[in-house]
């Protein structure tokens, strides 16, 4: 009876059920003892199978994660390769066009200088027109220089050092001081970053100044220019800094946001549309990024992310 009860309990899932000690020393008693021993063995084997199953599940999950990481890394590498090839092709075309434009610019400037010299005092009635021509020629020169800087980054690349992002922001503020002096713009600072970024000082300053000038122009009636830095870290452990340049202007419409970093796109009547494009190229050269978004309280925010150890992309290295 005890054996039957034990078998029913085992069938119902009570794997710990046992017949237990029996007084009988006959074949029935031996059979009951043997049954308990068999149940013990089954329990042990079942436990081993469960542990093996759990270990197998763990290893499958681990391999799945590794495969997902490898797949993501491969996709990023492929995307970077495609981007590098596109950038290389654009760079070659841009450099060719820029050099071709340089020649007529030099001819125009040379003839302007000659005309000014030959006319002498008689140039007074058209002085304003000549000045306008000079300004437009200089603007064309600037565009060509920026195009070449994008097309031939290694020719313009400078010494990389560990930079204090807050110090770069302060130095850049001094350089745009003449613009701020003519406005009713207040400057707010929140420098929390402790890490330093690996970048060329002049190039980072060029990026920051471009963002500062854009922010100032977005607040013609005055407002608040917010500068902030904070530490950041990637999933792979790389440390870096995020530099935020924000304004309290009208913000960026959706159609502007999606085209913001395209070459020659500008919302200014006298803009070249190359400032943000060049800035993005400079930052990406060090493995960083620039993102723009509208702040919840109003205004636009540009976030520059750079790393303590710059990762030079293939496009920059091969240019």
C-alpha atoms as a PDB file:
ATOM      1  CA  UNK A   1       0.000   0.000   0.000  1.00  0.00           C
ATOM      2  CA  UNK A   2       2.847   2.424   0.854  1.00  0.00           C
ATOM      3  CA  UNK A   3       4.518   1.665  -2.467  1.00  0.00           C
ATOM      4  CA  UNK A   4       1.305   2.288  -4.410  1.00  0.00           C
ATOM      5  CA  UNK A   5       0.772   5.588  -2.593  1.00  0.00           C
ATOM      6  CA  UNK A   6       4.365   6.646  -3.338  1.00  0.00           C
ATOM      7  CA  UNK A   7       4.006   5.778  -7.029  1.00  0.00           C
ATOM      8  CA  UNK A   8       0.802   7.818  -7.286  1.00  0.00           C
ATOM      9  CA  UNK A   9       2.498  10.809  -5.623  1.00  0.00           C
ATOM     10  CA  UNK A  10       5.434  10.577  -8.042  1.00  0.00           C
ATOM     11  CA  UNK A  11       3.029  10.394 -10.982  1.00  0.00           C
ATOM     12  CA  UNK A  12       1.309  13.549  -9.679  1.00  0.00           C
ATOM     13  CA  UNK A  13       4.626  15.397  -9.683  1.00  0.00           C
ATOM     14  CA  UNK A  14       5.745  14.958  -6.085  1.00  0.00           C
ATOM     15  CA  UNK A  15       9.263  13.896  -6.957  1.00  0.00           C
ATOM     16  CA  UNK A  16      10.354  13.944  -3.305  1.00  0.00           C
ATOM     17  CA  UNK A  17       7.835  11.245  -2.307  1.00  0.00           C
ATOM     18  CA  UNK A  18       9.415   8.087  -0.858  1.00  0.00           C
ATOM     19  CA  UNK A  19       8.207   4.818   0.645  1.00  0.00           C
ATOM     20  CA  UNK A  20      10.461   5.342   3.619  1.00  0.00           C
ATOM     21  CA  UNK A  21      11.720   2.762   6.133  1.00  0.00           C
ATOM     22  CA  UNK A  22       9.831  -0.524   6.138  1.00  0.00           C
ATOM     23  CA  UNK A  23       9.827  -3.192   8.837  1.00  0.00           C
ATOM     24  CA  UNK A  24       9.353  -6.078   6.470  1.00  0.00           C
ATOM     25  CA  UNK A  25      12.529  -7.973   5.680  1.00  0.00           C
ATOM     26  CA  UNK A  26      11.028  -9.969   2.858  1.00  0.00           C
ATOM     27  CA  UNK A  27      10.979  -9.348  -0.879  1.00  0.00           C
ATOM     28  CA  UNK A  28       8.381  -6.579  -0.506  1.00  0.00           C
ATOM     29  CA  UNK A  29      10.643  -4.694   1.899  1.00  0.00           C
ATOM     30  CA  UNK A  30      13.626  -5.088  -0.421  1.00  0.00           C
ATOM     31  CA  UNK A  31      11.491  -3.901  -3.344  1.00  0.00           C
ATOM     32  CA  UNK A  32      10.379  -0.807  -1.379  1.00  0.00           C
ATOM     33  CA  UNK A  33      13.992   0.036  -0.499  1.00  0.00           C
ATOM     34  CA  UNK A  34      15.038  -0.468  -4.109  1.00  0.00           C
ATOM     35  CA  UNK A  35      12.169   1.773  -5.280  1.00  0.00           C
ATOM     36  CA  UNK A  36      13.362   4.583  -3.009  1.00  0.00           C
ATOM     37  CA  UNK A  37      16.898   4.163  -4.347  1.00  0.00           C
ATOM     38  CA  UNK A  38      15.615   4.334  -7.930  1.00  0.00           C
ATOM     39  CA  UNK A  39      13.633   7.471  -7.109  1.00  0.00           C
ATOM     40  CA  UNK A  40      16.790   9.015  -5.578  1.00  0.00           C
ATOM     41  CA  UNK A  41      18.727   8.245  -8.773  1.00  0.00           C
ATOM     42  CA  UNK A  42      15.921   9.681 -10.916  1.00  0.00           C
ATOM     43  CA  UNK A  43      15.921  12.848  -8.766  1.00  0.00           C
ATOM     44  CA  UNK A  44      19.671  13.190  -9.118  1.00  0.00           C
ATOM     45  CA  UNK A  45      19.574  12.679 -12.898  1.00  0.00           C
ATOM     46  CA  UNK A  46      16.644  15.074 -13.245  1.00  0.00           C
ATOM     47  CA  UNK A  47      18.548  17.709 -11.254  1.00  0.00           C
ATOM     48  CA  UNK A  48      21.597  17.216 -13.443  1.00  0.00           C
ATOM     49  CA  UNK A  49      19.487  17.540 -16.586  1.00  0.00           C
ATOM     50  CA  UNK A  50      17.924  20.746 -15.251  1.00  0.00           C
ATOM     51  CA  UNK A  51      21.336  22.187 -14.438  1.00  0.00           C
ATOM     52  CA  UNK A  52      22.643  21.213 -17.878  1.00  0.00           C
ATOM     53  CA  UNK A  53      19.547  22.738 -19.468  1.00  0.00           C
ATOM     54  CA  UNK A  54      20.009  25.986 -17.539  1.00  0.00           C
ATOM     55  CA  UNK A  55      23.703  26.077 -18.477  1.00  0.00           C
ATOM     56  CA  UNK A  56      22.797  25.428 -22.113  1.00  0.00           C
ATOM     57  CA  UNK A  57      20.213  28.234 -22.015  1.00  0.00           C
ATOM     58  CA  UNK A  58      22.792  30.557 -20.473  1.00  0.00           C
ATOM     59  CA  UNK A  59      25.379  29.719 -23.129  1.00  0.00           C
ATOM     60  CA  UNK A  60      22.832  30.092 -25.937  1.00  0.00           C
ATOM     61  CA  UNK A  61      21.798  33.500 -24.553  1.00  0.00           C
ATOM     62  CA  UNK A  62      25.453  34.513 -24.219  1.00  0.00           C
ATOM     63  CA  UNK A  63      26.255  33.417 -27.775  1.00  0.00           C
ATOM     64  CA  UNK A  64      23.132  35.183 -29.032  1.00  0.00           C
ATOM     65  CA  UNK A  65      24.269  38.408 -27.378  1.00  0.00           C
ATOM     66  CA  UNK A  66      27.753  38.015 -28.834  1.00  0.00           C
ATOM     67  CA  UNK A  67      26.269  37.361 -32.275  1.00  0.00           C
ATOM     68  CA  UNK A  68      24.012  40.420 -31.971  1.00  0.00           C
ATOM     69  CA  UNK A  69      26.993  42.554 -30.932  1.00  0.00           C
ATOM     70  CA  UNK A  70      29.096  41.196 -33.792  1.00  0.00           C
ATOM     71  CA  UNK A  71      26.263  41.792 -36.265  1.00  0.00           C
ATOM     72  CA  UNK A  72      25.802  45.365 -35.032  1.00  0.00           C
ATOM     73  CA  UNK A  73      29.555  45.969 -35.223  1.00  0.00           C
ATOM     74  CA  UNK A  74      29.632  44.559 -38.765  1.00  0.00           C
ATOM     75  CA  UNK A  75      26.730  46.773 -39.810  1.00  0.00           C
ATOM     76  CA  UNK A  76      28.445  49.835 -38.333  1.00  0.00           C
ATOM     77  CA  UNK A  77      31.664  48.923 -40.136  1.00  0.00           C
ATOM     78  CA  UNK A  78      29.806  48.491 -43.423  1.00  0.00           C
ATOM     79  CA  UNK A  79      28.002  51.806 -42.948  1.00  0.00           C
ATOM     80  CA  UNK A  80      31.284  53.534 -42.113  1.00  0.00           C
ATOM     81  CA  UNK A  81      32.922  52.006 -45.188  1.00  0.00           C
ATOM     82  CA  UNK A  82      30.108  53.176 -47.464  1.00  0.00           C
ATOM     83  CA  UNK A  83      30.230  56.610 -45.852  1.00  0.00           C
ATOM     84  CA  UNK A  84      34.020  56.754 -46.207  1.00  0.00           C
ATOM     85  CA  UNK A  85      33.803  55.879 -49.898  1.00  0.00           C
ATOM     86  CA  UNK A  86      31.140  58.529 -50.445  1.00  0.00           C
ATOM     87  CA  UNK A  87      33.166  61.123 -48.541  1.00  0.00           C
ATOM     88  CA  UNK A  88      36.278  60.266 -50.534  1.00  0.00           C
ATOM     89  CA  UNK A  89      34.394  60.690 -53.826  1.00  0.00           C
ATOM     90  CA  UNK A  90      32.807  63.949 -52.658  1.00  0.00           C
ATOM     91  CA  UNK A  91      36.193  65.146 -51.433  1.00  0.00           C
ATOM     92  CA  UNK A  92      37.870  64.558 -54.789  1.00  0.00           C
ATOM     93  CA  UNK A  93      35.059  66.295 -56.675  1.00  0.00           C
ATOM     94  CA  UNK A  94      34.961  69.177 -54.195  1.00  0.00           C
ATOM     95  CA  UNK A  95      38.715  69.711 -54.352  1.00  0.00           C
ATOM     96  CA  UNK A  96      38.633  69.744 -58.150  1.00  0.00           C
ATOM     97  CA  UNK A  97      35.799  72.285 -58.250  1.00  0.00           C
ATOM     98  CA  UNK A  98      37.402  74.450 -55.562  1.00  0.00           C
ATOM     99  CA  UNK A  99      40.704  74.624 -57.421  1.00  0.00           C
ATOM    100  CA  UNK A 100      38.893  75.512 -60.649  1.00  0.00           C
ATOM    101  CA  UNK A 101      37.017  78.319 -58.883  1.00  0.00           C
ATOM    102  CA  UNK A 102      40.213  79.658 -57.338  1.00  0.00           C
ATOM    103  CA  UNK A 103      41.654  80.627 -60.717  1.00  0.00           C
ATOM    104  CA  UNK A 104      38.878  83.030 -61.840  1.00  0.00           C
ATOM    105  CA  UNK A 105      38.717  84.455 -58.300  1.00  0.00           C
ATOM    106  CA  UNK A 106      42.404  85.338 -58.532  1.00  0.00           C
ATOM    107  CA  UNK A 107      41.825  86.949 -61.950  1.00  0.00           C
ATOM    108  CA  UNK A 108      38.891  89.005 -60.636  1.00  0.00           C
ATOM    109  CA  UNK A 109      40.831  90.172 -57.588  1.00  0.00           C
ATOM    110  CA  UNK A 110      43.877  91.005 -59.686  1.00  0.00           C
ATOM    111  CA  UNK A 111      41.863  93.122 -62.101  1.00  0.00           C
ATOM    112  CA  UNK A 112      40.079  94.831 -59.216  1.00  0.00           C
ATOM    113  CA  UNK A 113      43.401  95.819 -57.686  1.00  0.00           C
ATOM    114  CA  UNK A 114      44.658  97.019 -61.074  1.00  0.00           C
ATOM    115  CA  UNK A 115      41.497  99.062 -61.683  1.00  0.00           C
ATOM    116  CA  UNK A 116      41.757 100.641 -58.233  1.00  0.00           C
ATOM    117  CA  UNK A 117      45.406 101.541 -58.874  1.00  0.00           C
ATOM    118  CA  UNK A 118      44.789 102.961 -62.366  1.00  0.00           C
ATOM    119  CA  UNK A 119      41.740 105.009 -61.378  1.00  0.00           C
ATOM    120  CA  UNK A 120      43.372 106.439 -58.277  1.00  0.00           C
ATOM    121  CA  UNK A 121      41.353 109.404 -57.024  1.00  0.00           C
ATOM    122  CA  UNK A 122      38.880 108.951 -59.878  1.00  0.00           C
ATOM    123  CA  UNK A 123      37.659 105.750 -58.208  1.00  0.00           C
ATOM    124  CA  UNK A 124      35.873 107.758 -55.489  1.00  0.00           C
ATOM    125  CA  UNK A 125      32.435 107.813 -57.231  1.00  0.00           C
ATOM    126  CA  UNK A 126      32.406 103.990 -57.429  1.00  0.00           C
ATOM    127  CA  UNK A 127      34.225 103.311 -54.136  1.00  0.00           C
ATOM    128  CA  UNK A 128      31.151 101.636 -52.624  1.00  0.00           C
ATOM    129  CA  UNK A 129      30.783  99.337 -55.627  1.00  0.00           C
ATOM    130  CA  UNK A 130      34.479  98.429 -55.552  1.00  0.00           C
ATOM    131  CA  UNK A 131      34.243  97.695 -51.830  1.00  0.00           C
ATOM    132  CA  UNK A 132      31.243  95.453 -52.484  1.00  0.00           C
ATOM    133  CA  UNK A 133      33.219  93.564 -55.139  1.00  0.00           C
ATOM    134  CA  UNK A 134      36.110  93.137 -52.695  1.00  0.00           C
ATOM    135  CA  UNK A 135      33.730  91.727 -50.076  1.00  0.00           C
ATOM    136  CA  UNK A 136      32.151  89.286 -52.519  1.00  0.00           C
ATOM    137  CA  UNK A 137      35.543  88.093 -53.755  1.00  0.00           C
ATOM    138  CA  UNK A 138      36.599  87.535 -50.135  1.00  0.00           C
ATOM    139  CA  UNK A 139      33.384  85.621 -49.531  1.00  0.00           C
ATOM    140  CA  UNK A 140      34.130  83.380 -52.523  1.00  0.00           C
ATOM    141  CA  UNK A 141      37.631  82.813 -51.161  1.00  0.00           C
ATOM    142  CA  UNK A 142      36.166  81.779 -47.810  1.00  0.00           C
ATOM    143  CA  UNK A 143      33.791  79.310 -49.477  1.00  0.00           C
ATOM    144  CA  UNK A 144      36.644  77.779 -51.473  1.00  0.00           C
ATOM    145  CA  UNK A 145      38.819  77.516 -48.350  1.00  0.00           C
ATOM    146  CA  UNK A 146      36.019  75.780 -46.456  1.00  0.00           C
ATOM    147  CA  UNK A 147      35.432  73.399 -49.351  1.00  0.00           C
ATOM    148  CA  UNK A 148      39.119  72.516 -49.465  1.00  0.00           C
ATOM    149  CA  UNK A 149      39.178  72.075 -45.701  1.00  0.00           C
ATOM    150  CA  UNK A 150      36.421  69.496 -46.040  1.00  0.00           C
ATOM    151  CA  UNK A 151      37.934  67.808 -49.104  1.00  0.00           C
ATOM    152  CA  UNK A 152      41.513  67.658 -47.799  1.00  0.00           C
ATOM    153  CA  UNK A 153      41.171  67.352 -43.999  1.00  0.00           C
ATOM    154  CA  UNK A 154      44.702  66.070 -43.424  1.00  0.00           C
ATOM    155  CA  UNK A 155      46.157  69.204 -45.031  1.00  0.00           C
ATOM    156  CA  UNK A 156      44.354  71.317 -42.434  1.00  0.00           C
ATOM    157  CA  UNK A 157      44.579  68.939 -39.474  1.00  0.00           C
ATOM    158  CA  UNK A 158      46.485  70.232 -36.479  1.00  0.00           C
ATOM    159  CA  UNK A 159      48.073  68.916 -33.297  1.00  0.00           C
ATOM    160  CA  UNK A 160      45.751  66.804 -31.142  1.00  0.00           C
ATOM    161  CA  UNK A 161      45.832  67.486 -27.407  1.00  0.00           C
ATOM    162  CA  UNK A 162      43.767  66.793 -24.291  1.00  0.00           C
ATOM    163  CA  UNK A 163      41.489  69.826 -24.043  1.00  0.00           C
ATOM    164  CA  UNK A 164      39.446  71.280 -21.200  1.00  0.00           C
ATOM    165  CA  UNK A 165      36.091  71.849 -22.931  1.00  0.00           C
ATOM    166  CA  UNK A 166      35.110  74.588 -20.484  1.00  0.00           C
ATOM    167  CA  UNK A 167      38.298  76.516 -21.224  1.00  0.00           C
ATOM    168  CA  UNK A 168      37.697  76.222 -24.975  1.00  0.00           C
ATOM    169  CA  UNK A 169      34.187  77.623 -24.488  1.00  0.00           C
ATOM    170  CA  UNK A 170      35.492  80.547 -22.419  1.00  0.00           C
ATOM    171  CA  UNK A 171      38.195  81.335 -24.987  1.00  0.00           C
ATOM    172  CA  UNK A 172      35.626  81.174 -27.792  1.00  0.00           C
ATOM    173  CA  UNK A 173      33.341  83.585 -25.922  1.00  0.00           C
ATOM    174  CA  UNK A 174      36.136  86.137 -25.910  1.00  0.00           C
ATOM    175  CA  UNK A 175      36.443  85.834 -29.692  1.00  0.00           C
ATOM    176  CA  UNK A 176      32.724  86.543 -30.220  1.00  0.00           C
ATOM    177  CA  UNK A 177      32.692  89.255 -27.565  1.00  0.00           C
ATOM    178  CA  UNK A 178      32.285  91.991 -30.185  1.00  0.00           C
ATOM    179  CA  UNK A 179      29.010  90.370 -31.299  1.00  0.00           C
ATOM    180  CA  UNK A 180      27.708  89.890 -27.752  1.00  0.00           C
ATOM    181  CA  UNK A 181      28.549  93.495 -26.860  1.00  0.00           C
ATOM    182  CA  UNK A 182      25.955  94.731 -29.348  1.00  0.00           C
ATOM    183  CA  UNK A 183      23.165  92.549 -27.941  1.00  0.00           C
ATOM    184  CA  UNK A 184      21.104  92.065 -24.816  1.00  0.00           C
ATOM    185  CA  UNK A 185      22.152  88.460 -24.477  1.00  0.00           C
ATOM    186  CA  UNK A 186      23.044  86.951 -21.124  1.00  0.00           C
ATOM    187  CA  UNK A 187      25.458  84.024 -20.931  1.00  0.00           C
ATOM    188  CA  UNK A 188      24.708  81.084 -18.655  1.00  0.00           C
ATOM    189  CA  UNK A 189      27.413  78.549 -17.816  1.00  0.00           C
ATOM    190  CA  UNK A 190      27.147  75.030 -16.439  1.00  0.00           C
ATOM    191  CA  UNK A 191      30.521  73.323 -16.821  1.00  0.00           C
ATOM    192  CA  UNK A 192      30.285  69.899 -15.162  1.00  0.00           C
ATOM    193  CA  UNK A 193      32.640  67.844 -17.342  1.00  0.00           C
ATOM    194  CA  UNK A 194      35.736  66.452 -15.649  1.00  0.00           C
ATOM    195  CA  UNK A 195      37.144  64.509 -18.617  1.00  0.00           C
ATOM    196  CA  UNK A 196      39.253  66.095 -21.336  1.00  0.00           C
ATOM    197  CA  UNK A 197      38.658  65.589 -25.048  1.00  0.00           C
ATOM    198  CA  UNK A 198      41.240  64.597 -27.644  1.00  0.00           C
ATOM    199  CA  UNK A 199      41.035  67.198 -30.390  1.00  0.00           C
ATOM    200  CA  UNK A 200      42.898  70.029 -32.085  1.00  0.00           C
ATOM    201  CA  UNK A 201      42.291  73.267 -30.179  1.00  0.00           C
ATOM    202  CA  UNK A 202      41.853  75.502 -33.236  1.00  0.00           C
ATOM    203  CA  UNK A 203      39.450  73.090 -34.905  1.00  0.00           C
ATOM    204  CA  UNK A 204      37.294  72.667 -31.802  1.00  0.00           C
ATOM    205  CA  UNK A 205      37.311  76.422 -31.320  1.00  0.00           C
ATOM    206  CA  UNK A 206      36.197  76.845 -34.941  1.00  0.00           C
ATOM    207  CA  UNK A 207      33.253  74.513 -34.300  1.00  0.00           C
ATOM    208  CA  UNK A 208      32.286  76.238 -31.044  1.00  0.00           C
ATOM    209  CA  UNK A 209      32.546  79.743 -32.529  1.00  0.00           C
ATOM    210  CA  UNK A 210      30.313  78.711 -35.415  1.00  0.00           C
ATOM    211  CA  UNK A 211      27.694  77.447 -32.953  1.00  0.00           C
ATOM    212  CA  UNK A 212      28.026  80.577 -30.795  1.00  0.00           C
ATOM    213  CA  UNK A 213      27.568  82.899 -33.775  1.00  0.00           C
ATOM    214  CA  UNK A 214      24.503  80.952 -34.921  1.00  0.00           C
ATOM    215  CA  UNK A 215      23.030  81.127 -31.408  1.00  0.00           C
ATOM    216  CA  UNK A 216      23.648  84.881 -31.195  1.00  0.00           C
ATOM    217  CA  UNK A 217      22.012  85.440 -34.590  1.00  0.00           C
ATOM    218  CA  UNK A 218      18.981  83.439 -33.399  1.00  0.00           C
ATOM    219  CA  UNK A 219      18.352  86.029 -30.635  1.00  0.00           C
ATOM    220  CA  UNK A 220      18.370  89.481 -32.306  1.00  0.00           C
ATOM    221  CA  UNK A 221      16.138  90.880 -29.550  1.00  0.00           C
ATOM    222  CA  UNK A 222      18.265  89.422 -26.771  1.00  0.00           C
ATOM    223  CA  UNK A 223      17.927  86.292 -24.690  1.00  0.00           C
ATOM    224  CA  UNK A 224      20.026  83.691 -22.907  1.00  0.00           C
ATOM    225  CA  UNK A 225      23.016  81.888 -24.392  1.00  0.00           C
ATOM    226  CA  UNK A 226      23.513  78.676 -22.427  1.00  0.00           C
ATOM    227  CA  UNK A 227      26.842  76.854 -22.415  1.00  0.00           C
ATOM    228  CA  UNK A 228      27.166  73.498 -20.687  1.00  0.00           C
ATOM    229  CA  UNK A 229      29.540  70.547 -20.524  1.00  0.00           C
ATOM    230  CA  UNK A 230      28.988  67.091 -19.052  1.00  0.00           C
ATOM    231  CA  UNK A 231      30.766  63.766 -18.963  1.00  0.00           C
ATOM    232  CA  UNK A 232      29.447  60.880 -21.034  1.00  0.00           C
ATOM    233  CA  UNK A 233      30.371  57.246 -21.589  1.00  0.00           C
ATOM    234  CA  UNK A 234      29.644  54.777 -24.364  1.00  0.00           C
ATOM    235  CA  UNK A 235      28.559  51.182 -23.901  1.00  0.00           C
ATOM    236  CA  UNK A 236      32.089  50.043 -24.765  1.00  0.00           C
ATOM    237  CA  UNK A 237      33.505  52.086 -21.882  1.00  0.00           C
ATOM    238  CA  UNK A 238      34.893  55.009 -23.898  1.00  0.00           C
ATOM    239  CA  UNK A 239      34.736  58.267 -21.953  1.00  0.00           C
ATOM    240  CA  UNK A 240      33.957  61.612 -23.470  1.00  0.00           C
ATOM    241  CA  UNK A 241      32.336  65.007 -23.052  1.00  0.00           C
ATOM    242  CA  UNK A 242      29.135  66.543 -24.401  1.00  0.00           C
ATOM    243  CA  UNK A 243      29.289  70.283 -25.119  1.00  0.00           C
ATOM    244  CA  UNK A 244      25.869  71.966 -25.290  1.00  0.00           C
ATOM    245  CA  UNK A 245      25.347  75.375 -26.905  1.00  0.00           C
ATOM    246  CA  UNK A 246      21.763  76.552 -26.445  1.00  0.00           C
ATOM    247  CA  UNK A 247      19.793  79.685 -27.229  1.00  0.00           C
ATOM    248  CA  UNK A 248      16.387  81.037 -26.208  1.00  0.00           C
ATOM    249  CA  UNK A 249      15.405  81.913 -29.760  1.00  0.00           C
ATOM    250  CA  UNK A 250      12.435  80.624 -31.774  1.00  0.00           C
ATOM    251  CA  UNK A 251      13.880  77.143 -32.200  1.00  0.00           C
ATOM    252  CA  UNK A 252      14.319  75.112 -35.367  1.00  0.00           C
ATOM    253  CA  UNK A 253      11.381  74.123 -37.608  1.00  0.00           C
ATOM    254  CA  UNK A 254      11.190  70.460 -38.614  1.00  0.00           C
ATOM    255  CA  UNK A 255      12.108  71.164 -42.249  1.00  0.00           C
ATOM    256  CA  UNK A 256      15.223  73.031 -41.078  1.00  0.00           C
ATOM    257  CA  UNK A 257      16.257  70.343 -38.588  1.00  0.00           C
ATOM    258  CA  UNK A 258      16.301  67.614 -41.233  1.00  0.00           C
ATOM    259  CA  UNK A 259      18.494  69.667 -43.600  1.00  0.00           C
ATOM    260  CA  UNK A 260      20.637  71.469 -41.045  1.00  0.00           C
ATOM    261  CA  UNK A 261      23.952  69.736 -41.778  1.00  0.00           C
ATOM    262  CA  UNK A 262      23.632  69.597 -45.562  1.00  0.00           C
ATOM    263  CA  UNK A 263      26.159  71.630 -47.575  1.00  0.00           C
ATOM    264  CA  UNK A 264      24.957  75.014 -48.847  1.00  0.00           C
ATOM    265  CA  UNK A 265      21.742  74.896 -46.814  1.00  0.00           C
ATOM    266  CA  UNK A 266      21.254  78.173 -44.966  1.00  0.00           C
ATOM    267  CA  UNK A 267      18.438  80.267 -43.526  1.00  0.00           C
ATOM    268  CA  UNK A 268      20.527  83.460 -43.667  1.00  0.00           C
ATOM    269  CA  UNK A 269      20.480  85.792 -46.655  1.00  0.00           C
ATOM    270  CA  UNK A 270      24.250  86.272 -46.423  1.00  0.00           C
ATOM    271  CA  UNK A 271      25.138  82.736 -45.270  1.00  0.00           C
ATOM    272  CA  UNK A 272      27.235  80.231 -47.206  1.00  0.00           C
ATOM    273  CA  UNK A 273      25.527  77.145 -45.807  1.00  0.00           C
ATOM    274  CA  UNK A 274      28.892  75.564 -45.083  1.00  0.00           C
ATOM    275  CA  UNK A 275      29.467  76.380 -41.414  1.00  0.00           C
ATOM    276  CA  UNK A 276      27.588  73.477 -39.836  1.00  0.00           C
ATOM    277  CA  UNK A 277      28.607  71.096 -42.608  1.00  0.00           C
ATOM    278  CA  UNK A 278      32.282  71.880 -42.049  1.00  0.00           C
ATOM    279  CA  UNK A 279      31.816  71.736 -38.259  1.00  0.00           C
ATOM    280  CA  UNK A 280      30.251  68.283 -38.506  1.00  0.00           C
ATOM    281  CA  UNK A 281      33.133  67.119 -40.690  1.00  0.00           C
ATOM    282  CA  UNK A 282      35.691  68.414 -38.183  1.00  0.00           C
ATOM    283  CA  UNK A 283      33.999  66.695 -35.239  1.00  0.00           C
ATOM    284  CA  UNK A 284      33.463  63.415 -37.106  1.00  0.00           C
ATOM    285  CA  UNK A 285      37.164  63.430 -37.964  1.00  0.00           C
ATOM    286  CA  UNK A 286      37.793  62.676 -34.280  1.00  0.00           C
ATOM    287  CA  UNK A 287      35.006  60.092 -34.018  1.00  0.00           C
ATOM    288  CA  UNK A 288      32.553  62.586 -32.510  1.00  0.00           C
ATOM    289  CA  UNK A 289      29.126  63.859 -33.474  1.00  0.00           C
ATOM    290  CA  UNK A 290      26.938  66.974 -33.531  1.00  0.00           C
ATOM    291  CA  UNK A 291      23.204  66.797 -32.895  1.00  0.00           C
ATOM    292  CA  UNK A 292      20.567  69.518 -32.848  1.00  0.00           C
ATOM    293  CA  UNK A 293      17.201  69.598 -31.140  1.00  0.00           C
ATOM    294  CA  UNK A 294      14.670  72.031 -29.740  1.00  0.00           C
ATOM    295  CA  UNK A 295      14.665  72.514 -25.971  1.00  0.00           C
ATOM    296  CA  UNK A 296      11.366  71.857 -24.105  1.00  0.00           C
ATOM    297  CA  UNK A 297      11.418  75.426 -22.765  1.00  0.00           C
ATOM    298  CA  UNK A 298      12.084  76.878 -26.218  1.00  0.00           C
ATOM    299  CA  UNK A 299      15.134  77.616 -28.309  1.00  0.00           C
ATOM    300  CA  UNK A 300      17.617  75.334 -30.022  1.00  0.00           C
ATOM    301  CA  UNK A 301      20.401  73.237 -28.524  1.00  0.00           C
ATOM    302  CA  UNK A 302      23.436  71.934 -30.390  1.00  0.00           C
ATOM    303  CA  UNK A 303      25.266  69.074 -28.677  1.00  0.00           C
ATOM    304  CA  UNK A 304      28.854  68.235 -29.625  1.00  0.00           C
ATOM    305  CA  UNK A 305      30.149  64.865 -28.405  1.00  0.00           C
ATOM    306  CA  UNK A 306      33.894  64.196 -28.377  1.00  0.00           C
ATOM    307  CA  UNK A 307      35.985  61.455 -26.782  1.00  0.00           C
ATOM    308  CA  UNK A 308      39.057  61.400 -24.575  1.00  0.00           C
ATOM    309  CA  UNK A 309      40.686  59.066 -27.096  1.00  0.00           C
ATOM    310  CA  UNK A 310      39.763  60.281 -30.604  1.00  0.00           C
ATOM    311  CA  UNK A 311      38.906  57.602 -33.137  1.00  0.00           C
ATOM    312  CA  UNK A 312      40.019  58.918 -36.501  1.00  0.00           C
ATOM    313  CA  UNK A 313      37.704  57.574 -39.221  1.00  0.00           C
ATOM    314  CA  UNK A 314      39.114  55.939 -42.332  1.00  0.00           C
ATOM    315  CA  UNK A 315      37.966  58.798 -44.538  1.00  0.00           C
ATOM    316  CA  UNK A 316      40.054  61.330 -42.655  1.00  0.00           C
ATOM    317  CA  UNK A 317      43.062  59.076 -42.475  1.00  0.00           C
ATOM    318  CA  UNK A 318      42.979  58.306 -46.186  1.00  0.00           C
ATOM    319  CA  UNK A 319      42.283  61.842 -47.411  1.00  0.00           C
END
